[in-house]
PDB file of N, CA and C in Angstrom:
ATOM      1  N   UNK A   1     116.745 131.887 128.219  1.00  0.00           N
ATOM      2  CA  UNK A   1     115.506 131.168 127.952  1.00  0.00           C
ATOM      3  C   UNK A   1     115.387 130.987 126.460  1.00  0.00           C
ATOM      4  N   UNK A   2     115.099 129.759 126.032  1.00  0.00           N
ATOM      5  CA  UNK A   2     115.044 129.435 124.607  1.00  0.00           C
ATOM      6  C   UNK A   2     113.605 129.701 124.082  1.00  0.00           C
ATOM      7  N   UNK A   3     113.543 130.392 122.952  1.00  0.00           N
ATOM      8  CA  UNK A   3     112.273 130.623 122.276  1.00  0.00           C
ATOM      9  C   UNK A   3     112.020 129.575 121.246  1.00  0.00           C
ATOM     10  N   UNK A   4     110.745 129.191 121.114  1.00  0.00           N
ATOM     11  CA  UNK A   4     110.357 128.204 120.062  1.00  0.00           C
ATOM     12  C   UNK A   4     110.269 128.937 118.734  1.00  0.00           C
ATOM     13  N   UNK A   5     110.758 128.256 117.714  1.00  0.00           N
ATOM     14  CA  UNK A   5     110.629 128.797 116.332  1.00  0.00           C
ATOM     15  C   UNK A   5     109.183 128.748 115.928  1.00  0.00           C
ATOM     16  N   UNK A   6     108.751 129.793 115.202  1.00  0.00           N
ATOM     17  CA  UNK A   6     107.422 129.748 114.666  1.00  0.00           C
ATOM     18  C   UNK A   6     107.260 128.601 113.678  1.00  0.00           C
ATOM     19  N   UNK A   7     106.113 127.985 113.663  1.00  0.00           N
ATOM     20  CA  UNK A   7     105.854 126.855 112.732  1.00  0.00           C
ATOM     21  C   UNK A   7     105.793 127.406 111.304  1.00  0.00           C
ATOM     22  N   UNK A   8     106.436 126.618 110.336  1.00  0.00           N
ATOM     23  CA  UNK A   8     106.344 126.995 109.007  1.00  0.00           C
ATOM     24  C   UNK A   8     105.129 126.417 108.318  1.00  0.00           C
ATOM     25  N   UNK A   9     104.524 125.442 108.882  1.00  0.00           N
ATOM     26  CA  UNK A   9     103.327 124.841 108.340  1.00  0.00           C
ATOM     27  C   UNK A   9     102.095 125.311 109.163  1.00  0.00           C
ATOM     28  N   UNK A  10     100.980 125.188 108.494  1.00  0.00           N
ATOM     29  CA  UNK A  10      99.716 125.565 109.172  1.00  0.00           C
ATOM     30  C   UNK A  10      99.062 124.277 109.727  1.00  0.00           C
ATOM     31  N   UNK A  11      98.219 124.436 110.723  1.00  0.00           N
ATOM     32  CA  UNK A  11      97.565 123.212 111.247  1.00  0.00           C
ATOM     33  C   UNK A  11      96.606 122.646 110.200  1.00  0.00           C
ATOM     34  N   UNK A  12      96.434 121.330 110.251  1.00  0.00           N
ATOM     35  CA  UNK A  12      95.592 120.684 109.304  1.00  0.00           C
ATOM     36  C   UNK A  12      94.107 121.134 109.565  1.00  0.00           C
ATOM     37  N   UNK A  13      93.424 121.693 108.557  1.00  0.00           N
ATOM     38  CA  UNK A  13      92.095 122.191 108.779  1.00  0.00           C
ATOM     39  C   UNK A  13      91.080 121.078 109.114  1.00  0.00           C
ATOM     40  N   UNK A  14      91.272 119.893 108.639  1.00  0.00           N
ATOM     41  CA  UNK A  14      90.392 118.805 108.962  1.00  0.00           C
ATOM     42  C   UNK A  14      90.544 118.395 110.424  1.00  0.00           C
ATOM     43  N   UNK A  15      91.770 118.377 110.840  1.00  0.00           N
ATOM     44  CA  UNK A  15      92.035 118.017 112.269  1.00  0.00           C
ATOM     45  C   UNK A  15      91.502 119.090 113.137  1.00  0.00           C
ATOM     46  N   UNK A  16      91.632 120.341 112.731  1.00  0.00           N
ATOM     47  CA  UNK A  16      91.098 121.488 113.516  1.00  0.00           C
ATOM     48  C   UNK A  16      89.579 121.320 113.731  1.00  0.00           C
ATOM     49  N   UNK A  17      88.925 120.915 112.623  1.00  0.00           N
ATOM     50  CA  UNK A  17      87.461 120.740 112.628  1.00  0.00           C
ATOM     51  C   UNK A  17      87.130 119.564 113.626  1.00  0.00           C
ATOM     52  N   UNK A  18      87.952 118.547 113.571  1.00  0.00           N
ATOM     53  CA  UNK A  18      87.714 117.362 114.470  1.00  0.00           C
ATOM     54  C   UNK A  18      87.804 117.786 115.943  1.00  0.00           C
ATOM     55  N   UNK A  19      88.867 118.534 116.250  1.00  0.00           N
ATOM     56  CA  UNK A  19      89.052 118.951 117.647  1.00  0.00           C
ATOM     57  C   UNK A  19      87.866 119.837 118.094  1.00  0.00           C
ATOM     58  N   UNK A  20      87.424 120.737 117.215  1.00  0.00           N
ATOM     59  CA  UNK A  20      86.319 121.634 117.571  1.00  0.00           C
ATOM     60  C   UNK A  20      85.010 120.889 117.766  1.00  0.00           C
ATOM     61  N   UNK A  21      84.856 119.700 117.107  1.00  0.00           N
ATOM     62  CA  UNK A  21      83.635 118.980 117.173  1.00  0.00           C
ATOM     63  C   UNK A  21      83.557 118.034 118.390  1.00  0.00           C
ATOM     64  N   UNK A  22      84.641 117.937 119.130  1.00  0.00           N
ATOM     65  CA  UNK A  22      84.646 117.046 120.326  1.00  0.00           C
ATOM     66  C   UNK A  22      83.756 117.650 121.402  1.00  0.00           C
ATOM     67  N   UNK A  23      83.218 116.768 122.212  1.00  0.00           N
ATOM     68  CA  UNK A  23      82.415 117.239 123.369  1.00  0.00           C
ATOM     69  C   UNK A  23      83.275 118.141 124.298  1.00  0.00           C
ATOM     70  N   UNK A  24      82.663 119.093 124.936  1.00  0.00           N
ATOM     71  CA  UNK A  24      83.408 120.092 125.732  1.00  0.00           C
ATOM     72  C   UNK A  24      84.219 119.405 126.816  1.00  0.00           C
ATOM     73  N   UNK A  25      83.677 118.368 127.468  1.00  0.00           N
ATOM     74  CA  UNK A  25      84.422 117.714 128.560  1.00  0.00           C
ATOM     75  C   UNK A  25      85.707 117.032 128.064  1.00  0.00           C
ATOM     76  N   UNK A  26      85.735 116.583 126.816  1.00  0.00           N
ATOM     77  CA  UNK A  26      86.911 116.014 126.196  1.00  0.00           C
ATOM     78  C   UNK A  26      87.903 117.175 125.880  1.00  0.00           C
ATOM     79  N   UNK A  27      87.400 118.222 125.220  1.00  0.00           N
ATOM     80  CA  UNK A  27      88.287 119.379 124.852  1.00  0.00           C
ATOM     81  C   UNK A  27      89.003 119.958 126.094  1.00  0.00           C
ATOM     82  N   UNK A  28      88.286 119.999 127.212  1.00  0.00           N
ATOM     83  CA  UNK A  28      88.823 120.572 128.410  1.00  0.00           C
ATOM     84  C   UNK A  28      90.014 119.727 128.987  1.00  0.00           C
ATOM     85  N   UNK A  29      90.038 118.472 128.663  1.00  0.00           N
ATOM     86  CA  UNK A  29      91.052 117.539 129.154  1.00  0.00           C
ATOM     87  C   UNK A  29      92.347 117.549 128.293  1.00  0.00           C
ATOM     88  N   UNK A  30      92.214 118.038 127.045  1.00  0.00           N
ATOM     89  CA  UNK A  30      93.354 117.986 126.110  1.00  0.00           C
ATOM     90  C   UNK A  30      94.320 119.130 126.382  1.00  0.00           C
ATOM     91  N   UNK A  31      95.557 118.766 126.571  1.00  0.00           N
ATOM     92  CA  UNK A  31      96.610 119.800 126.846  1.00  0.00           C
ATOM     93  C   UNK A  31      97.027 120.506 125.557  1.00  0.00           C
ATOM     94  N   UNK A  32      97.721 121.598 125.658  1.00  0.00           N
ATOM     95  CA  UNK A  32      98.210 122.304 124.482  1.00  0.00           C
ATOM     96  C   UNK A  32      99.169 121.441 123.698  1.00  0.00           C
ATOM     97  N   UNK A  33     100.036 120.731 124.406  1.00  0.00           N
ATOM     98  CA  UNK A  33     100.986 119.875 123.732  1.00  0.00           C
ATOM     99  C   UNK A  33     100.260 118.726 122.929  1.00  0.00           C
ATOM    100  N   UNK A  34      99.237 118.157 123.500  1.00  0.00           N
ATOM    101  CA  UNK A  34      98.445 117.116 122.826  1.00  0.00           C
ATOM    102  C   UNK A  34      97.763 117.666 121.616  1.00  0.00           C
ATOM    103  N   UNK A  35      97.145 118.861 121.747  1.00  0.00           N
ATOM    104  CA  UNK A  35      96.444 119.498 120.614  1.00  0.00           C
ATOM    105  C   UNK A  35      97.432 119.809 119.524  1.00  0.00           C
ATOM    106  N   UNK A  36      98.600 120.339 119.842  1.00  0.00           N
ATOM    107  CA  UNK A  36      99.589 120.666 118.823  1.00  0.00           C
ATOM    108  C   UNK A  36     100.018 119.419 118.058  1.00  0.00           C
ATOM    109  N   UNK A  37     100.280 118.317 118.776  1.00  0.00           N
ATOM    110  CA  UNK A  37     100.686 117.080 118.131  1.00  0.00           C
ATOM    111  C   UNK A  37      99.601 116.649 117.138  1.00  0.00           C
ATOM    112  N   UNK A  38      98.315 116.743 117.584  1.00  0.00           N
ATOM    113  CA  UNK A  38      97.274 116.320 116.690  1.00  0.00           C
ATOM    114  C   UNK A  38      97.111 117.223 115.477  1.00  0.00           C
ATOM    115  N   UNK A  39      97.176 118.519 115.659  1.00  0.00           N
ATOM    116  CA  UNK A  39      96.951 119.474 114.611  1.00  0.00           C
ATOM    117  C   UNK A  39      98.070 119.497 113.576  1.00  0.00           C
ATOM    118  N   UNK A  40      99.293 119.150 113.993  1.00  0.00           N
ATOM    119  CA  UNK A  40     100.420 119.221 113.110  1.00  0.00           C
ATOM    120  C   UNK A  40     100.905 117.809 112.721  1.00  0.00           C
ATOM    121  N   UNK A  41     100.059 116.847 112.875  1.00  0.00           N
ATOM    122  CA  UNK A  41     100.284 115.459 112.461  1.00  0.00           C
ATOM    123  C   UNK A  41     101.619 114.884 112.977  1.00  0.00           C
ATOM    124  N   UNK A  42     101.878 115.200 114.227  1.00  0.00           N
ATOM    125  CA  UNK A  42     103.062 114.671 114.940  1.00  0.00           C
ATOM    126  C   UNK A  42     102.640 113.351 115.607  1.00  0.00           C
ATOM    127  N   UNK A  43     103.601 112.672 116.155  1.00  0.00           N
ATOM    128  CA  UNK A  43     103.317 111.429 116.898  1.00  0.00           C
ATOM    129  C   UNK A  43     102.401 111.804 118.072  1.00  0.00           C
ATOM    130  N   UNK A  44     101.308 111.067 118.190  1.00  0.00           N
ATOM    131  CA  UNK A  44     100.330 111.387 119.231  1.00  0.00           C
ATOM    132  C   UNK A  44     100.775 110.816 120.590  1.00  0.00           C
ATOM    133  N   UNK A  45     100.725 111.576 121.654  1.00  0.00           N
ATOM    134  CA  UNK A  45     101.059 111.082 122.979  1.00  0.00           C
ATOM    135  C   UNK A  45     100.026 110.031 123.422  1.00  0.00           C
ATOM    136  N   UNK A  46     100.467 109.001 124.176  1.00  0.00           N
ATOM    137  CA  UNK A  46      99.590 108.003 124.679  1.00  0.00           C
ATOM    138  C   UNK A  46      98.444 108.631 125.456  1.00  0.00           C
ATOM    139  N   UNK A  47      98.710 109.734 126.148  1.00  0.00           N
ATOM    140  CA  UNK A  47      97.675 110.398 126.997  1.00  0.00           C
ATOM    141  C   UNK A  47      96.519 110.875 126.091  1.00  0.00           C
ATOM    142  N   UNK A  48      96.849 111.389 124.912  1.00  0.00           N
ATOM    143  CA  UNK A  48      95.813 111.860 123.974  1.00  0.00           C
ATOM    144  C   UNK A  48      95.098 110.714 123.414  1.00  0.00           C
ATOM    145  N   UNK A  49      95.743 109.631 123.026  1.00  0.00           N
ATOM    146  CA  UNK A  49      95.077 108.456 122.484  1.00  0.00           C
ATOM    147  C   UNK A  49      94.086 107.888 123.482  1.00  0.00           C
ATOM    148  N   UNK A  50      94.484 107.931 124.758  1.00  0.00           N
ATOM    149  CA  UNK A  50      93.562 107.422 125.772  1.00  0.00           C
ATOM    150  C   UNK A  50      92.301 108.341 125.904  1.00  0.00           C
ATOM    151  N   UNK A  51      92.485 109.625 125.839  1.00  0.00           N
ATOM    152  CA  UNK A  51      91.377 110.574 125.873  1.00  0.00           C
ATOM    153  C   UNK A  51      90.405 110.406 124.696  1.00  0.00           C
ATOM    154  N   UNK A  52      90.986 110.046 123.526  1.00  0.00           N
ATOM    155  CA  UNK A  52      90.202 110.029 122.329  1.00  0.00           C
ATOM    156  C   UNK A  52      89.782 108.625 121.877  1.00  0.00           C
ATOM    157  N   UNK A  53      90.054 107.654 122.778  1.00  0.00           N
ATOM    158  CA  UNK A  53      89.811 106.217 122.341  1.00  0.00           C
ATOM    159  C   UNK A  53      88.375 105.931 121.906  1.00  0.00           C
ATOM    160  N   UNK A  54      87.412 106.673 122.483  1.00  0.00           N
ATOM    161  CA  UNK A  54      85.989 106.435 122.110  1.00  0.00           C
ATOM    162  C   UNK A  54      85.681 107.131 120.798  1.00  0.00           C
ATOM    163  N   UNK A  55      86.597 107.933 120.246  1.00  0.00           N
ATOM    164  CA  UNK A  55      86.328 108.717 119.037  1.00  0.00           C
ATOM    165  C   UNK A  55      87.212 108.304 117.864  1.00  0.00           C
ATOM    166  N   UNK A  56      88.160 107.404 118.100  1.00  0.00           N
ATOM    167  CA  UNK A  56      89.091 107.000 117.038  1.00  0.00           C
ATOM    168  C   UNK A  56      88.624 105.699 116.402  1.00  0.00           C
ATOM    169  N   UNK A  57      88.922 105.549 115.129  1.00  0.00           N
ATOM    170  CA  UNK A  57      88.694 104.286 114.441  1.00  0.00           C
ATOM    171  C   UNK A  57      90.036 103.748 114.041  1.00  0.00           C
ATOM    172  N   UNK A  58      90.256 102.514 114.395  1.00  0.00           N
ATOM    173  CA  UNK A  58      91.579 101.885 114.109  1.00  0.00           C
ATOM    174  C   UNK A  58      91.757 101.665 112.604  1.00  0.00           C
ATOM    175  N   UNK A  59      92.878 102.082 112.098  1.00  0.00           N
ATOM    176  CA  UNK A  59      93.214 101.916 110.683  1.00  0.00           C
ATOM    177  C   UNK A  59      93.726 100.526 110.463  1.00  0.00           C
ATOM    178  N   UNK A  60      93.226  99.842 109.484  1.00  0.00           N
ATOM    179  CA  UNK A  60      93.642  98.408 109.218  1.00  0.00           C
ATOM    180  C   UNK A  60      94.590  98.314 108.069  1.00  0.00           C
TER     181      UNK A  60
END
């Protein structure tokens, strides 16, 4: 069984605050993988973008 390497970087504190500020019903729908991608500024899964569509502002 392969173990994941510990992350060398810390989660973005601003993004952590954003996740914490979401309504409970949205937070309950977000998977660990989706939260990790968001917190570590990885490419966001389409599933997460769909869940957050009412809370995101499109960058122009």
